[in-house]
Amino acid sequence: MSEFSLQTPVAFLIFNRPDTTERVFNAIAQARPTKLLVIADGPRANRAGEAERCAQARAVIERVDWECEVLTNFADSNMGCKMRVATGIDWVFEQVEEAIILEDDCLPEPSFFRFCQEMLERYRDHPRIGMVTGGNLQFGQQRGEASYYFSRYSHIWGWATWRRSWQLYQREIPQWPAFRDQGWLNQLFEKQGERDYWAASFQLVHEGKLDTWDCSWTFATLTHGLLQVVPNMNLISNIGFGPEATHTHVVGIHADMPTRPILFPLKHPDFILANAEADRYISNDQIAPSFLRRQWRRTKRILRLK
């Protein structure tokens, strides 16, 4: 097998956690991308010591010791999760046509980079494919016989996309009222619980009451009928769960998930269709879990903490 060379630009989003930033940076350094784009949010004025932690996280980037063009987009003051990530990715795609995107708590398995690069190349001009993810939340369940499958859910713990897809992104989702009033949630989702979940999430984003960027990305991919490429094994471990996290405060079953390498050459699916069984599992496990599922996850969490 020829030696892999990472030519795809890598975008790295950081904030105030130098410890996780260093671990993810070390994984990026092993892949040795030729271009690294770093987005950093600024410190909050009312958080003691945060300016120092932000500076320490930014200092990690100074350790680039391979041939690499490093571009930075650092905020002087805090913009918040929604604005900082969204405007940061806007900036990335002003510079490049496609990119692999990692946040400071998404630790990639080494084969993640080659997987993303090959998928970005293969589906670069395919209008139905919106993104590639490295995260697999199927807990070891194989979906099909290929190396990967397709899903209509967008999972952003280590992912990649093209400028052509990101151009569909609108932070405040202005089309949400029309989408809601025309009953499209009923067309897309069978479970009332899932309809309620997305309706509440999209409404809060539209009203500016939810400080997150990824619901707007989900809205863009759903409303344009885009699929994501999902590896049949997990390539990303989220190491950021805990009290210092922005959103993932509770250490649940998706924290620090084990990874294993994907094998090359990749085996490609015969058809470009969403895997209904895999998407049903995501719906039942994460978006609108039953009472029994919620109790099972609570028990797993308690046992994990012991």
C-alpha atoms as a PDB file:
ATOM      1  CA  MET A   1       0.000   0.000   0.000  1.00  0.00           C
ATOM      2  CA  SER A   2       1.365   3.431  -0.970  1.00  0.00           C
ATOM      3  CA  GLU A   3       2.061   5.874   1.842  1.00  0.00           C
ATOM      4  CA  PHE A   4      -0.863   8.175   2.537  1.00  0.00           C
ATOM      5  CA  SER A   5      -0.373  11.917   2.042  1.00  0.00           C
ATOM      6  CA  LEU A   6      -2.983  14.295   3.459  1.00  0.00           C
ATOM      7  CA  GLN A   7      -3.617  17.048   0.929  1.00  0.00           C
ATOM      8  CA  THR A   8      -7.064  18.065   2.197  1.00  0.00           C
ATOM      9  CA  PRO A   9      -7.041  21.239   4.348  1.00  0.00           C
ATOM     10  CA  VAL A  10      -7.878  20.699   8.021  1.00  0.00           C
ATOM     11  CA  ALA A  11      -9.958  23.226   9.972  1.00  0.00           C
ATOM     12  CA  PHE A  12      -9.432  23.148  13.747  1.00  0.00           C
ATOM     13  CA  LEU A  13     -11.867  24.897  16.120  1.00  0.00           C
ATOM     14  CA  ILE A  14     -10.499  25.714  19.563  1.00  0.00           C
ATOM     15  CA  PHE A  15     -11.498  27.731  22.620  1.00  0.00           C
ATOM     16  CA  ASN A  16     -10.438  27.421  26.248  1.00  0.00           C
ATOM     17  CA  ARG A  17      -9.332  23.808  26.771  1.00  0.00           C
ATOM     18  CA  PRO A  18      -5.593  23.508  26.174  1.00  0.00           C
ATOM     19  CA  ASP A  19      -5.568  19.878  27.354  1.00  0.00           C
ATOM     20  CA  THR A  20      -8.033  18.523  24.805  1.00  0.00           C
ATOM     21  CA  THR A  21      -6.700  20.953  22.189  1.00  0.00           C
ATOM     22  CA  GLU A  22      -3.242  19.425  22.591  1.00  0.00           C
ATOM     23  CA  ARG A  23      -4.512  15.855  22.213  1.00  0.00           C
ATOM     24  CA  VAL A  24      -6.437  16.629  19.034  1.00  0.00           C
ATOM     25  CA  PHE A  25      -3.558  18.733  17.701  1.00  0.00           C
ATOM     26  CA  ASN A  26      -1.177  15.825  18.208  1.00  0.00           C
ATOM     27  CA  ALA A  27      -3.473  13.641  16.093  1.00  0.00           C
ATOM     28  CA  ILE A  28      -3.540  16.307  13.387  1.00  0.00           C
ATOM     29  CA  ALA A  29       0.241  16.589  13.573  1.00  0.00           C
ATOM     30  CA  GLN A  30       0.585  12.856  12.875  1.00  0.00           C
ATOM     31  CA  ALA A  31      -1.446  13.330   9.689  1.00  0.00           C
ATOM     32  CA  ARG A  32       0.707  16.329   8.643  1.00  0.00           C
ATOM     33  CA  PRO A  33      -1.808  18.308   6.564  1.00  0.00           C
ATOM     34  CA  THR A  34      -0.339  20.793   4.121  1.00  0.00           C
ATOM     35  CA  LYS A  35      -2.830  23.470   5.195  1.00  0.00           C
ATOM     36  CA  LEU A  36      -4.239  24.062   8.692  1.00  0.00           C
ATOM     37  CA  LEU A  37      -6.942  26.650   9.353  1.00  0.00           C
ATOM     38  CA  VAL A  38      -7.467  27.453  13.035  1.00  0.00           C
ATOM     39  CA  ILE A  39     -10.579  29.164  14.405  1.00  0.00           C
ATOM     40  CA  ALA A  40     -10.564  30.316  18.028  1.00  0.00           C
ATOM     41  CA  ASP A  41     -13.216  31.978  20.156  1.00  0.00           C
ATOM     42  CA  GLY A  42     -12.225  34.656  22.630  1.00  0.00           C
ATOM     43  CA  PRO A  43     -12.531  34.633  26.426  1.00  0.00           C
ATOM     44  CA  ARG A  44     -15.646  35.666  28.321  1.00  0.00           C
ATOM     45  CA  ALA A  45     -15.032  38.762  30.409  1.00  0.00           C
ATOM     46  CA  ASN A  46     -16.800  37.347  33.471  1.00  0.00           C
ATOM     47  CA  ARG A  47     -14.886  34.037  33.589  1.00  0.00           C
ATOM     48  CA  ALA A  48     -11.805  34.186  35.798  1.00  0.00           C
ATOM     49  CA  GLY A  49      -8.745  32.644  34.201  1.00  0.00           C
ATOM     50  CA  GLU A  50     -10.396  32.040  30.843  1.00  0.00           C
ATOM     51  CA  ALA A  51      -8.197  34.506  28.962  1.00  0.00           C
ATOM     52  CA  GLU A  52      -5.156  32.562  30.127  1.00  0.00           C
ATOM     53  CA  ARG A  53      -6.683  29.214  29.098  1.00  0.00           C
ATOM     54  CA  CYS A  54      -7.598  30.601  25.677  1.00  0.00           C
ATOM     55  CA  ALA A  55      -4.022  31.818  25.238  1.00  0.00           C
ATOM     56  CA  GLN A  56      -2.677  28.421  26.248  1.00  0.00           C
ATOM     57  CA  ALA A  57      -4.945  26.688  23.717  1.00  0.00           C
ATOM     58  CA  ARG A  58      -3.787  29.038  20.960  1.00  0.00           C
ATOM     59  CA  ALA A  59      -0.154  28.457  21.895  1.00  0.00           C
ATOM     60  CA  VAL A  60      -0.563  24.762  21.047  1.00  0.00           C
ATOM     61  CA  ILE A  61      -0.836  25.705  17.375  1.00  0.00           C
ATOM     62  CA  GLU A  62       2.645  27.225  17.481  1.00  0.00           C
ATOM     63  CA  ARG A  63       4.019  23.679  17.683  1.00  0.00           C
ATOM     64  CA  VAL A  64       3.485  23.020  13.964  1.00  0.00           C
ATOM     65  CA  ASP A  65       6.845  21.559  12.931  1.00  0.00           C
ATOM     66  CA  TRP A  66       6.076  20.139   9.498  1.00  0.00           C
ATOM     67  CA  GLU A  67       5.683  21.843   6.129  1.00  0.00           C
ATOM     68  CA  CYS A  68       2.263  23.402   6.535  1.00  0.00           C
ATOM     69  CA  GLU A  69       0.530  26.665   5.719  1.00  0.00           C
ATOM     70  CA  VAL A  70      -1.167  27.830   8.918  1.00  0.00           C
ATOM     71  CA  LEU A  71      -4.015  30.356   8.714  1.00  0.00           C
ATOM     72  CA  THR A  72      -5.697  31.713  11.844  1.00  0.00           C
ATOM     73  CA  ASN A  73      -9.007  33.387  12.602  1.00  0.00           C
ATOM     74  CA  PHE A  74      -8.910  34.356  16.279  1.00  0.00           C
ATOM     75  CA  ALA A  75     -11.692  36.308  17.998  1.00  0.00           C
ATOM     76  CA  ASP A  76     -10.604  39.028  20.434  1.00  0.00           C
ATOM     77  CA  SER A  77     -13.722  38.637  22.581  1.00  0.00           C
ATOM     78  CA  ASN A  78     -16.233  35.862  23.051  1.00  0.00           C
ATOM     79  CA  MET A  79     -18.651  35.316  20.184  1.00  0.00           C
ATOM     80  CA  GLY A  80     -20.422  32.248  21.564  1.00  0.00           C
ATOM     81  CA  CYS A  81     -20.698  28.780  20.114  1.00  0.00           C
ATOM     82  CA  LYS A  82     -23.190  29.585  17.383  1.00  0.00           C
ATOM     83  CA  MET A  83     -21.573  32.696  15.932  1.00  0.00           C
ATOM     84  CA  ARG A  84     -17.958  31.622  16.380  1.00  0.00           C
ATOM     85  CA  VAL A  85     -18.305  28.215  14.742  1.00  0.00           C
ATOM     86  CA  ALA A  86     -20.627  29.417  11.968  1.00  0.00           C
ATOM     87  CA  THR A  87     -18.530  32.449  11.025  1.00  0.00           C
ATOM     88  CA  GLY A  88     -15.372  30.395  11.406  1.00  0.00           C
ATOM     89  CA  ILE A  89     -16.555  27.800   8.909  1.00  0.00           C
ATOM     90  CA  ASP A  90     -17.720  30.646   6.639  1.00  0.00           C
ATOM     91  CA  TRP A  91     -14.122  31.888   6.719  1.00  0.00           C
ATOM     92  CA  VAL A  92     -12.730  28.412   6.028  1.00  0.00           C
ATOM     93  CA  PHE A  93     -14.745  28.093   2.843  1.00  0.00           C
ATOM     94  CA  GLU A  94     -13.695  31.549   1.733  1.00  0.00           C
ATOM     95  CA  GLN A  95     -10.167  30.091   1.676  1.00  0.00           C
ATOM     96  CA  VAL A  96     -10.679  26.533   0.399  1.00  0.00           C
ATOM     97  CA  GLU A  97     -13.133  24.412  -1.604  1.00  0.00           C
ATOM     98  CA  GLU A  98     -13.274  21.500   0.854  1.00  0.00           C
ATOM     99  CA  ALA A  99     -12.035  20.763   4.360  1.00  0.00           C
ATOM    100  CA  ILE A 100     -11.858  18.282   7.204  1.00  0.00           C
ATOM    101  CA  ILE A 101     -13.280  19.907  10.356  1.00  0.00           C
ATOM    102  CA  LEU A 102     -12.328  19.001  13.930  1.00  0.00           C
ATOM    103  CA  GLU A 103     -13.319  20.645  17.184  1.00  0.00           C
ATOM    104  CA  ASP A 104     -10.988  20.651  20.159  1.00  0.00           C
ATOM    105  CA  ASP A 105     -12.703  17.680  21.825  1.00  0.00           C
ATOM    106  CA  CYS A 106     -13.068  15.357  18.814  1.00  0.00           C
ATOM    107  CA  LEU A 107     -10.109  12.982  18.851  1.00  0.00           C
ATOM    108  CA  PRO A 108      -9.698  11.212  15.500  1.00  0.00           C
ATOM    109  CA  GLU A 109      -8.455   7.703  14.818  1.00  0.00           C
ATOM    110  CA  PRO A 110      -5.531   8.084  12.337  1.00  0.00           C
ATOM    111  CA  SER A 111      -7.431   6.508   9.425  1.00  0.00           C
ATOM    112  CA  PHE A 112     -10.119   9.205   9.760  1.00  0.00           C
ATOM    113  CA  PHE A 113      -8.089  11.608   7.635  1.00  0.00           C
ATOM    114  CA  ARG A 114      -7.617   9.242   4.707  1.00  0.00           C
ATOM    115  CA  PHE A 115     -11.276   8.205   4.889  1.00  0.00           C
ATOM    116  CA  CYS A 116     -12.404  11.824   4.664  1.00  0.00           C
ATOM    117  CA  GLN A 117     -10.004  12.664   1.869  1.00  0.00           C
ATOM    118  CA  GLU A 118     -11.112   9.701  -0.251  1.00  0.00           C
ATOM    119  CA  MET A 119     -14.806  10.415   0.346  1.00  0.00           C
ATOM    120  CA  LEU A 120     -14.418  14.120  -0.441  1.00  0.00           C
ATOM    121  CA  GLU A 121     -12.781  13.209  -3.713  1.00  0.00           C
ATOM    122  CA  ARG A 122     -15.254  10.461  -4.634  1.00  0.00           C
ATOM    123  CA  TYR A 123     -18.403  12.506  -3.944  1.00  0.00           C
ATOM    124  CA  ARG A 124     -17.034  15.976  -4.728  1.00  0.00           C
ATOM    125  CA  ASP A 125     -19.471  16.542  -7.575  1.00  0.00           C
ATOM    126  CA  HIS A 126     -22.341  14.387  -6.357  1.00  0.00           C
ATOM    127  CA  PRO A 127     -25.268  16.706  -5.564  1.00  0.00           C
ATOM    128  CA  ARG A 128     -26.959  14.299  -3.130  1.00  0.00           C
ATOM    129  CA  ILE A 129     -23.989  13.963  -0.763  1.00  0.00           C
ATOM    130  CA  GLY A 130     -23.700  16.837   1.689  1.00  0.00           C
ATOM    131  CA  MET A 131     -20.957  15.770   4.088  1.00  0.00           C
ATOM    132  CA  VAL A 132     -18.726  13.033   5.461  1.00  0.00           C
ATOM    133  CA  THR A 133     -18.586  12.136   9.146  1.00  0.00           C
ATOM    134  CA  GLY A 134     -16.066  10.161  11.170  1.00  0.00           C
ATOM    135  CA  GLY A 135     -18.449   9.466  14.029  1.00  0.00           C
ATOM    136  CA  ASN A 136     -20.415   6.237  14.123  1.00  0.00           C
ATOM    137  CA  LEU A 137     -22.968   5.963  16.956  1.00  0.00           C
ATOM    138  CA  GLN A 138     -24.317   2.523  16.041  1.00  0.00           C
ATOM    139  CA  PHE A 139     -22.364   0.853  18.876  1.00  0.00           C
ATOM    140  CA  GLY A 140     -20.746  -1.811  16.730  1.00  0.00           C
ATOM    141  CA  GLN A 141     -23.733  -2.653  14.560  1.00  0.00           C
ATOM    142  CA  GLN A 142     -22.671  -3.185  10.945  1.00  0.00           C
ATOM    143  CA  ARG A 143     -24.936  -1.464   8.409  1.00  0.00           C
ATOM    144  CA  GLY A 144     -24.569  -3.212   5.068  1.00  0.00           C
ATOM    145  CA  GLU A 145     -21.539  -4.971   3.645  1.00  0.00           C
ATOM    146  CA  ALA A 146     -19.624  -1.879   2.531  1.00  0.00           C
ATOM    147  CA  SER A 147     -17.040   0.183   4.419  1.00  0.00           C
ATOM    148  CA  TYR A 148     -19.597   2.937   4.940  1.00  0.00           C
ATOM    149  CA  TYR A 149     -23.276   3.740   4.523  1.00  0.00           C
ATOM    150  CA  PHE A 150     -25.429   6.810   3.995  1.00  0.00           C
ATOM    151  CA  SER A 151     -27.591   8.633   6.531  1.00  0.00           C
ATOM    152  CA  ARG A 152     -29.883  11.638   6.453  1.00  0.00           C
ATOM    153  CA  TYR A 153     -28.661  12.750   9.910  1.00  0.00           C
ATOM    154  CA  SER A 154     -25.695  15.133  10.083  1.00  0.00           C
ATOM    155  CA  HIS A 155     -23.196  14.187  12.771  1.00  0.00           C
ATOM    156  CA  ILE A 156     -20.425  16.741  13.357  1.00  0.00           C
ATOM    157  CA  TRP A 157     -17.987  15.108  15.788  1.00  0.00           C
ATOM    158  CA  GLY A 158     -15.199  15.099  13.223  1.00  0.00           C
ATOM    159  CA  TRP A 159     -16.518  15.701   9.730  1.00  0.00           C
ATOM    160  CA  ALA A 160     -15.762  17.053   6.289  1.00  0.00           C
ATOM    161  CA  THR A 161     -17.625  18.903   3.579  1.00  0.00           C
ATOM    162  CA  TRP A 162     -17.365  21.096   0.506  1.00  0.00           C
ATOM    163  CA  ARG A 163     -17.954  24.786  -0.107  1.00  0.00           C
ATOM    164  CA  ARG A 164     -20.898  23.819  -2.331  1.00  0.00           C
ATOM    165  CA  SER A 165     -22.675  22.258   0.669  1.00  0.00           C
ATOM    166  CA  TRP A 166     -21.815  24.946   3.203  1.00  0.00           C
ATOM    167  CA  GLN A 167     -23.260  27.614   0.897  1.00  0.00           C
ATOM    168  CA  LEU A 168     -26.694  26.205   1.826  1.00  0.00           C
ATOM    169  CA  TYR A 169     -26.150  27.088   5.508  1.00  0.00           C
ATOM    170  CA  GLN A 170     -28.223  29.901   7.026  1.00  0.00           C
ATOM    171  CA  ARG A 171     -27.657  30.602  10.713  1.00  0.00           C
ATOM    172  CA  GLU A 172     -31.171  31.823  11.572  1.00  0.00           C
ATOM    173  CA  ILE A 173     -32.975  29.337   9.248  1.00  0.00           C
ATOM    174  CA  PRO A 174     -35.381  31.920   7.740  1.00  0.00           C
ATOM    175  CA  GLN A 175     -37.262  29.173   5.878  1.00  0.00           C
ATOM    176  CA  TRP A 176     -38.313  27.430   9.087  1.00  0.00           C
ATOM    177  CA  PRO A 177     -41.817  29.008   9.379  1.00  0.00           C
ATOM    178  CA  ALA A 178     -42.731  27.939   5.835  1.00  0.00           C
ATOM    179  CA  PHE A 179     -41.227  24.484   6.376  1.00  0.00           C
ATOM    180  CA  ARG A 180     -43.219  24.132   9.625  1.00  0.00           C
ATOM    181  CA  ASP A 181     -46.497  25.475   8.281  1.00  0.00           C
ATOM    182  CA  GLN A 182     -46.400  23.292   5.167  1.00  0.00           C
ATOM    183  CA  GLY A 183     -46.155  20.160   7.328  1.00  0.00           C
ATOM    184  CA  TRP A 184     -42.802  18.923   6.125  1.00  0.00           C
ATOM    185  CA  LEU A 185     -41.848  17.474   9.530  1.00  0.00           C
ATOM    186  CA  ASN A 186     -44.784  15.080   9.156  1.00  0.00           C
ATOM    187  CA  GLN A 187     -43.429  14.021   5.775  1.00  0.00           C
ATOM    188  CA  LEU A 188     -39.888  13.440   7.037  1.00  0.00           C
ATOM    189  CA  PHE A 189     -40.399  11.781  10.424  1.00  0.00           C
ATOM    190  CA  GLU A 190     -42.705   8.987  11.496  1.00  0.00           C
ATOM    191  CA  LYS A 191     -42.410   9.463  15.265  1.00  0.00           C
ATOM    192  CA  GLN A 192     -44.252  12.292  16.940  1.00  0.00           C
ATOM    193  CA  GLY A 193     -41.435  12.531  19.474  1.00  0.00           C
ATOM    194  CA  GLU A 194     -38.921  13.247  16.754  1.00  0.00           C
ATOM    195  CA  ARG A 195     -41.185  15.797  15.086  1.00  0.00           C
ATOM    196  CA  ASP A 196     -41.554  17.562  18.433  1.00  0.00           C
ATOM    197  CA  TYR A 197     -37.792  17.490  19.025  1.00  0.00           C
ATOM    198  CA  TRP A 198     -36.899  19.079  15.698  1.00  0.00           C
ATOM    199  CA  ALA A 199     -39.794  21.540  15.823  1.00  0.00           C
ATOM    200  CA  ALA A 200     -38.667  22.815  19.232  1.00  0.00           C
ATOM    201  CA  SER A 201     -35.004  22.957  18.195  1.00  0.00           C
ATOM    202  CA  PHE A 202     -35.616  24.760  14.913  1.00  0.00           C
ATOM    203  CA  GLN A 203     -38.033  27.202  16.533  1.00  0.00           C
ATOM    204  CA  LEU A 204     -35.496  28.164  19.199  1.00  0.00           C
ATOM    205  CA  VAL A 205     -32.774  28.635  16.581  1.00  0.00           C
ATOM    206  CA  HIS A 206     -35.083  30.755  14.441  1.00  0.00           C
ATOM    207  CA  GLU A 207     -35.925  32.946  17.461  1.00  0.00           C
ATOM    208  CA  GLY A 208     -32.241  33.306  18.367  1.00  0.00           C
ATOM    209  CA  LYS A 209     -32.718  31.574  21.714  1.00  0.00           C
ATOM    210  CA  LEU A 210     -30.414  28.577  21.156  1.00  0.00           C
ATOM    211  CA  ASP A 211     -26.655  29.180  21.109  1.00  0.00           C
ATOM    212  CA  THR A 212     -25.711  26.373  18.761  1.00  0.00           C
ATOM    213  CA  TRP A 213     -24.741  26.279  15.106  1.00  0.00           C
ATOM    214  CA  ASP A 214     -25.352  22.639  14.203  1.00  0.00           C
ATOM    215  CA  CYS A 215     -29.184  22.675  14.251  1.00  0.00           C
ATOM    216  CA  SER A 216     -29.027  25.132  11.368  1.00  0.00           C
ATOM    217  CA  TRP A 217     -26.722  22.745   9.512  1.00  0.00           C
ATOM    218  CA  THR A 218     -29.155  19.889  10.102  1.00  0.00           C
ATOM    219  CA  PHE A 219     -31.958  22.075   8.766  1.00  0.00           C
ATOM    220  CA  ALA A 220     -29.927  22.818   5.626  1.00  0.00           C
ATOM    221  CA  THR A 221     -29.155  19.161   4.931  1.00  0.00           C
ATOM    222  CA  LEU A 222     -32.713  17.977   5.651  1.00  0.00           C
ATOM    223  CA  THR A 223     -34.410  20.612   3.537  1.00  0.00           C
ATOM    224  CA  HIS A 224     -32.117  19.941   0.584  1.00  0.00           C
ATOM    225  CA  GLY A 225     -32.389  16.157   0.885  1.00  0.00           C
ATOM    226  CA  LEU A 226     -28.667  15.695   1.442  1.00  0.00           C
ATOM    227  CA  LEU A 227     -27.062  12.523   2.774  1.00  0.00           C
ATOM    228  CA  GLN A 228     -23.945  12.064   4.866  1.00  0.00           C
ATOM    229  CA  VAL A 229     -21.313   9.370   4.470  1.00  0.00           C
ATOM    230  CA  VAL A 230     -20.884   7.332   7.691  1.00  0.00           C
ATOM    231  CA  PRO A 231     -18.033   4.850   8.259  1.00  0.00           C
ATOM    232  CA  ASN A 232     -19.075   1.404   9.455  1.00  0.00           C
ATOM    233  CA  MET A 233     -16.813   1.768  12.474  1.00  0.00           C
ATOM    234  CA  ASN A 234     -16.324   4.696  14.801  1.00  0.00           C
ATOM    235  CA  LEU A 235     -13.372   6.939  13.891  1.00  0.00           C
ATOM    236  CA  ILE A 236     -13.937   9.730  16.448  1.00  0.00           C
ATOM    237  CA  SER A 237     -13.869   9.747  20.247  1.00  0.00           C
ATOM    238  CA  ASN A 238     -15.421  12.784  21.929  1.00  0.00           C
ATOM    239  CA  ILE A 239     -13.107  13.537  24.861  1.00  0.00           C
ATOM    240  CA  GLY A 240     -14.848  16.743  25.917  1.00  0.00           C
ATOM    241  CA  PHE A 241     -17.779  15.581  28.034  1.00  0.00           C
ATOM    242  CA  GLY A 242     -17.881  17.098  31.503  1.00  0.00           C
ATOM    243  CA  PRO A 243     -18.492  20.336  33.424  1.00  0.00           C
ATOM    244  CA  GLU A 244     -16.099  22.387  31.234  1.00  0.00           C
ATOM    245  CA  ALA A 245     -17.989  21.532  28.034  1.00  0.00           C
ATOM    246  CA  THR A 246     -20.276  24.029  26.300  1.00  0.00           C
ATOM    247  CA  HIS A 247     -23.152  21.570  25.775  1.00  0.00           C
ATOM    248  CA  THR A 248     -22.103  18.027  26.746  1.00  0.00           C
ATOM    249  CA  HIS A 249     -22.025  18.491  30.525  1.00  0.00           C
ATOM    250  CA  VAL A 250     -23.309  15.014  31.430  1.00  0.00           C
ATOM    251  CA  VAL A 251     -20.861  12.156  30.849  1.00  0.00           C
ATOM    252  CA  GLY A 252     -23.171   9.806  28.997  1.00  0.00           C
ATOM    253  CA  ILE A 253     -22.773   6.694  26.879  1.00  0.00           C
ATOM    254  CA  HIS A 254     -21.420   8.656  23.901  1.00  0.00           C
ATOM    255  CA  ALA A 255     -18.424  10.039  25.827  1.00  0.00           C
ATOM    256  CA  ASP A 256     -14.947   8.676  25.018  1.00  0.00           C
ATOM    257  CA  MET A 257     -16.295   6.053  22.655  1.00  0.00           C
ATOM    258  CA  PRO A 258     -13.633   3.596  21.451  1.00  0.00           C
ATOM    259  CA  THR A 259     -12.373   3.838  17.891  1.00  0.00           C
ATOM    260  CA  ARG A 260     -10.845   1.378  15.479  1.00  0.00           C
ATOM    261  CA  PRO A 261      -9.260   1.912  12.080  1.00  0.00           C
ATOM    262  CA  ILE A 262     -11.148   1.592   8.838  1.00  0.00           C
ATOM    263  CA  LEU A 263      -9.522  -0.726   6.310  1.00  0.00           C
ATOM    264  CA  PHE A 264      -8.359   0.280   2.839  1.00  0.00           C
ATOM    265  CA  PRO A 265      -9.104  -0.079   0.026  1.00  0.00           C
ATOM    266  CA  LEU A 266     -12.639   0.924   0.876  1.00  0.00           C
ATOM    267  CA  LYS A 267     -15.602  -1.154  -0.230  1.00  0.00           C
ATOM    268  CA  HIS A 268     -18.264   1.147  -1.641  1.00  0.00           C
ATOM    269  CA  PRO A 269     -22.049   0.701  -1.317  1.00  0.00           C
ATOM    270  CA  ASP A 270     -23.951  -0.362  -4.410  1.00  0.00           C
ATOM    271  CA  PHE A 271     -26.639   2.294  -3.951  1.00  0.00           C
ATOM    272  CA  ILE A 272     -26.710   5.869  -2.704  1.00  0.00           C
ATOM    273  CA  LEU A 273     -29.657   5.557  -0.354  1.00  0.00           C
ATOM    274  CA  ALA A 274     -30.069   6.354   3.331  1.00  0.00           C
ATOM    275  CA  ASN A 275     -29.829   3.251   5.491  1.00  0.00           C
ATOM    276  CA  ALA A 276     -33.297   3.193   7.087  1.00  0.00           C
ATOM    277  CA  GLU A 277     -32.299   0.760   9.835  1.00  0.00           C
ATOM    278  CA  ALA A 278     -29.325   2.866  10.898  1.00  0.00           C
ATOM    279  CA  ASP A 279     -31.357   6.072  10.863  1.00  0.00           C
ATOM    280  CA  ARG A 280     -34.146   4.428  12.862  1.00  0.00           C
ATOM    281  CA  TYR A 281     -31.562   3.467  15.472  1.00  0.00           C
ATOM    282  CA  ILE A 282     -30.304   7.068  15.693  1.00  0.00           C
ATOM    283  CA  SER A 283     -33.855   8.304  16.098  1.00  0.00           C
ATOM    284  CA  ASN A 284     -34.680   5.783  18.826  1.00  0.00           C
ATOM    285  CA  ASP A 285     -31.341   6.080  20.618  1.00  0.00           C
ATOM    286  CA  GLN A 286     -30.659   9.817  20.557  1.00  0.00           C
ATOM    287  CA  ILE A 287     -33.437  12.004  19.244  1.00  0.00           C
ATOM    288  CA  ALA A 288     -36.686  10.593  20.609  1.00  0.00           C
ATOM    289  CA  PRO A 289     -35.787   7.657  22.883  1.00  0.00           C
ATOM    290  CA  SER A 290     -38.526   5.713  24.602  1.00  0.00           C
ATOM    291  CA  PHE A 291     -38.937   5.708  28.386  1.00  0.00           C
ATOM    292  CA  LEU A 292     -37.225   2.295  28.583  1.00  0.00           C
ATOM    293  CA  ARG A 293     -34.342   3.542  26.441  1.00  0.00           C
ATOM    294  CA  ARG A 294     -33.891   6.602  28.655  1.00  0.00           C
ATOM    295  CA  GLN A 295     -33.860   4.403  31.762  1.00  0.00           C
ATOM    296  CA  TRP A 296     -31.327   2.049  30.180  1.00  0.00           C
ATOM    297  CA  ARG A 297     -29.053   4.957  29.295  1.00  0.00           C
ATOM    298  CA  ARG A 298     -29.385   6.383  32.818  1.00  0.00           C
ATOM    299  CA  THR A 299     -28.385   3.008  34.298  1.00  0.00           C
ATOM    300  CA  LYS A 300     -25.401   2.760  31.930  1.00  0.00           C
ATOM    301  CA  ARG A 301     -24.316   6.243  32.945  1.00  0.00           C
ATOM    302  CA  ILE A 302     -24.544   5.443  36.661  1.00  0.00           C
ATOM    303  CA  LEU A 303     -22.560   2.245  36.245  1.00  0.00           C
ATOM    304  CA  ARG A 304     -19.949   4.111  34.255  1.00  0.00           C
ATOM    305  CA  LEU A 305     -19.476   6.675  36.996  1.00  0.00           C
ATOM    306  CA  LYS A 306     -18.875   4.040  39.669  1.00  0.00           C
END
